[in-house]
Amino acid sequence: MNNDRVQGQWKQWKGQLKERWGRLTDDDLDVIAGRRDQLLGRIQERHGIAKEEANRQVKDFEQRNPDYRFDGS
């Protein structure tokens, strides 16, 4: 998915991401703005998990929600 499309859908995705990773703040989501590497870093930081686990969780989220593809996936 191209970056323009990700940016266009980002506001819709924020709620889903906050449901999945409840410790992410609105500020976190504004910084992430559809970038997968930023999402992974924030999940690691807020939830205290390893990079590999964060990556696994994001892959699982993407598989369960095929419309949600992050820049850099």
N, C-alpha and C. Protein backbone atom coordinates (compact mmCIF):
# COMPACT_ATOMS: atom_id res chain seq x y z
N MET A 1 0.86 -1.16 0.00
CA MET A 1 0.00 0.00 0.00
C MET A 1 0.90 1.23 0.00
N ASN A 2 0.54 2.22 -0.81
CA ASN A 2 1.40 3.40 -0.85
C ASN A 2 1.14 4.33 0.33
N ASN A 3 2.09 5.20 0.56
CA ASN A 3 2.06 6.07 1.73
C ASN A 3 0.86 7.01 1.72
N ASP A 4 0.44 7.51 0.55
CA ASP A 4 -0.71 8.40 0.48
C ASP A 4 -1.98 7.71 0.97
N ARG A 5 -2.13 6.46 0.58
CA ARG A 5 -3.31 5.71 0.99
C ARG A 5 -3.28 5.43 2.50
N VAL A 6 -2.12 5.08 3.01
CA VAL A 6 -1.98 4.86 4.46
C VAL A 6 -2.34 6.13 5.21
N GLN A 7 -1.79 7.26 4.77
CA GLN A 7 -2.07 8.52 5.45
C GLN A 7 -3.56 8.85 5.40
N GLY A 8 -4.19 8.57 4.27
CA GLY A 8 -5.61 8.86 4.12
C GLY A 8 -6.49 8.04 5.03
N GLN A 9 -6.09 6.84 5.34
CA GLN A 9 -6.88 5.96 6.19
C GLN A 9 -6.44 5.98 7.65
N TRP A 10 -5.38 6.68 7.94
CA TRP A 10 -4.80 6.61 9.28
C TRP A 10 -5.78 6.97 10.38
N LYS A 11 -6.58 8.00 10.20
CA LYS A 11 -7.53 8.41 11.23
C LYS A 11 -8.52 7.28 11.55
N GLN A 12 -8.92 6.55 10.51
CA GLN A 12 -9.84 5.43 10.73
C GLN A 12 -9.17 4.31 11.51
N TRP A 13 -7.90 4.13 11.29
CA TRP A 13 -7.18 3.03 11.91
C TRP A 13 -6.84 3.27 13.38
N LYS A 14 -6.75 4.54 13.77
CA LYS A 14 -6.32 4.86 15.14
C LYS A 14 -7.14 4.13 16.20
N GLY A 15 -8.44 4.12 16.04
CA GLY A 15 -9.30 3.47 17.03
C GLY A 15 -9.02 1.98 17.15
N GLN A 16 -8.82 1.32 16.02
CA GLN A 16 -8.51 -0.11 16.03
C GLN A 16 -7.18 -0.38 16.73
N LEU A 17 -6.21 0.48 16.46
CA LEU A 17 -4.90 0.30 17.08
C LEU A 17 -4.96 0.52 18.59
N LYS A 18 -5.73 1.51 19.02
CA LYS A 18 -5.86 1.76 20.46
C LYS A 18 -6.59 0.62 21.15
N GLU A 19 -7.53 -0.02 20.44
CA GLU A 19 -8.20 -1.18 21.02
C GLU A 19 -7.21 -2.33 21.21
N ARG A 20 -6.35 -2.53 20.22
CA ARG A 20 -5.39 -3.65 20.27
C ARG A 20 -4.25 -3.38 21.23
N TRP A 21 -3.70 -2.17 21.20
CA TRP A 21 -2.58 -1.79 22.04
C TRP A 21 -3.00 -0.58 22.87
N GLY A 22 -3.70 -0.86 23.96
CA GLY A 22 -4.33 0.17 24.78
C GLY A 22 -3.42 1.19 25.40
N ARG A 23 -2.15 0.89 25.49
CA ARG A 23 -1.24 1.85 26.11
C ARG A 23 -0.70 2.89 25.13
N LEU A 24 -1.05 2.75 23.86
CA LEU A 24 -0.64 3.76 22.89
C LEU A 24 -1.51 5.00 23.08
N THR A 25 -0.89 6.15 23.08
CA THR A 25 -1.62 7.41 23.26
C THR A 25 -1.94 8.02 21.91
N ASP A 26 -2.79 9.04 21.93
CA ASP A 26 -3.07 9.78 20.70
C ASP A 26 -1.79 10.40 20.16
N ASP A 27 -0.94 10.89 21.05
CA ASP A 27 0.34 11.45 20.62
C ASP A 27 1.20 10.39 19.94
N ASP A 28 1.23 9.18 20.51
CA ASP A 28 1.98 8.08 19.89
C ASP A 28 1.47 7.84 18.48
N LEU A 29 0.16 7.78 18.34
CA LEU A 29 -0.43 7.48 17.04
C LEU A 29 -0.16 8.60 16.03
N ASP A 30 -0.11 9.84 16.52
CA ASP A 30 0.24 10.96 15.62
C ASP A 30 1.67 10.83 15.13
N VAL A 31 2.58 10.39 15.99
CA VAL A 31 3.98 10.20 15.61
C VAL A 31 4.11 9.01 14.65
N ILE A 32 3.39 7.94 14.92
CA ILE A 32 3.46 6.73 14.10
C ILE A 32 2.99 7.02 12.68
N ALA A 33 1.84 7.65 12.55
CA ALA A 33 1.28 8.09 11.27
C ALA A 33 1.41 7.07 10.14
N GLY A 34 1.16 5.80 10.44
CA GLY A 34 1.16 4.77 9.42
C GLY A 34 2.49 4.10 9.17
N ARG A 35 3.53 4.51 9.87
CA ARG A 35 4.85 3.91 9.65
C ARG A 35 5.04 2.72 10.59
N ARG A 36 5.29 1.58 9.99
CA ARG A 36 5.40 0.32 10.72
C ARG A 36 6.54 0.34 11.74
N ASP A 37 7.69 0.88 11.35
CA ASP A 37 8.83 0.91 12.26
C ASP A 37 8.52 1.75 13.50
N GLN A 38 7.79 2.84 13.31
CA GLN A 38 7.40 3.67 14.45
C GLN A 38 6.40 2.93 15.34
N LEU A 39 5.47 2.21 14.72
CA LEU A 39 4.50 1.44 15.48
C LEU A 39 5.20 0.39 16.34
N LEU A 40 6.13 -0.33 15.73
CA LEU A 40 6.86 -1.36 16.48
C LEU A 40 7.59 -0.76 17.67
N GLY A 41 8.26 0.35 17.46
CA GLY A 41 9.00 0.99 18.55
C GLY A 41 8.10 1.44 19.68
N ARG A 42 6.97 2.02 19.32
CA ARG A 42 6.05 2.49 20.37
C ARG A 42 5.41 1.33 21.12
N ILE A 43 5.09 0.26 20.42
CA ILE A 43 4.53 -0.91 21.10
C ILE A 43 5.56 -1.47 22.08
N GLN A 44 6.80 -1.58 21.63
CA GLN A 44 7.86 -2.08 22.51
C GLN A 44 7.97 -1.20 23.75
N GLU A 45 8.01 0.09 23.54
CA GLU A 45 8.20 1.04 24.64
C GLU A 45 7.03 1.03 25.61
N ARG A 46 5.82 1.15 25.10
CA ARG A 46 4.64 1.28 25.96
C ARG A 46 4.25 -0.03 26.64
N HIS A 47 4.50 -1.15 25.96
CA HIS A 47 4.06 -2.44 26.51
C HIS A 47 5.20 -3.27 27.08
N GLY A 48 6.42 -2.77 26.98
CA GLY A 48 7.55 -3.45 27.59
C GLY A 48 7.83 -4.83 27.01
N ILE A 49 7.76 -4.94 25.68
CA ILE A 49 8.00 -6.23 25.04
C ILE A 49 9.18 -6.12 24.07
N ALA A 50 9.71 -7.27 23.70
CA ALA A 50 10.85 -7.33 22.78
C ALA A 50 10.40 -7.00 21.36
N LYS A 51 11.38 -6.60 20.54
CA LYS A 51 11.11 -6.25 19.15
C LYS A 51 10.45 -7.40 18.40
N GLU A 52 10.93 -8.61 18.62
CA GLU A 52 10.38 -9.77 17.93
C GLU A 52 8.92 -9.99 18.29
N GLU A 53 8.57 -9.81 19.55
CA GLU A 53 7.18 -9.96 19.99
C GLU A 53 6.31 -8.86 19.40
N ALA A 54 6.81 -7.63 19.39
CA ALA A 54 6.05 -6.53 18.78
C ALA A 54 5.81 -6.81 17.31
N ASN A 55 6.83 -7.29 16.62
CA ASN A 55 6.70 -7.62 15.21
C ASN A 55 5.68 -8.73 15.00
N ARG A 56 5.71 -9.73 15.84
CA ARG A 56 4.74 -10.83 15.74
C ARG A 56 3.31 -10.31 15.93
N GLN A 57 3.13 -9.44 16.91
CA GLN A 57 1.80 -8.90 17.18
C GLN A 57 1.29 -8.06 16.00
N VAL A 58 2.16 -7.26 15.41
CA VAL A 58 1.75 -6.43 14.27
C VAL A 58 1.43 -7.31 13.07
N LYS A 59 2.24 -8.34 12.83
CA LYS A 59 1.94 -9.26 11.73
C LYS A 59 0.59 -9.93 11.94
N ASP A 60 0.31 -10.36 13.17
CA ASP A 60 -0.96 -10.98 13.50
C ASP A 60 -2.11 -9.99 13.26
N PHE A 61 -1.92 -8.75 13.68
CA PHE A 61 -2.93 -7.71 13.47
C PHE A 61 -3.18 -7.52 11.97
N GLU A 62 -2.13 -7.47 11.19
CA GLU A 62 -2.26 -7.28 9.74
C GLU A 62 -2.98 -8.46 9.09
N GLN A 63 -2.69 -9.66 9.54
CA GLN A 63 -3.35 -10.84 8.97
C GLN A 63 -4.83 -10.87 9.31
N ARG A 64 -5.16 -10.44 10.49
CA ARG A 64 -6.56 -10.43 10.91
C ARG A 64 -7.33 -9.25 10.32
N ASN A 65 -6.60 -8.22 9.91
CA ASN A 65 -7.20 -7.00 9.36
C ASN A 65 -6.50 -6.65 8.05
N PRO A 66 -6.85 -7.36 6.97
CA PRO A 66 -6.10 -7.18 5.72
C PRO A 66 -6.15 -5.77 5.14
N ASP A 67 -7.12 -4.95 5.53
CA ASP A 67 -7.15 -3.56 5.05
C ASP A 67 -6.12 -2.69 5.76
N TYR A 68 -5.55 -3.16 6.85
CA TYR A 68 -4.59 -2.41 7.63
C TYR A 68 -3.18 -2.85 7.24
N ARG A 69 -2.60 -2.13 6.35
CA ARG A 69 -1.20 -2.39 5.95
C ARG A 69 -0.40 -1.13 6.20
N PHE A 70 0.67 -1.28 6.90
CA PHE A 70 1.47 -0.14 7.28
C PHE A 70 2.57 0.11 6.25
N ASP A 71 2.98 1.36 6.16
CA ASP A 71 4.10 1.72 5.30
C ASP A 71 5.30 0.94 5.78
N GLY A 72 5.95 0.23 4.87
CA GLY A 72 7.11 -0.55 5.24
C GLY A 72 6.80 -2.00 5.58
N SER A 73 5.56 -2.43 5.36
CA SER A 73 5.19 -3.83 5.61
C SER A 73 5.76 -4.72 4.55
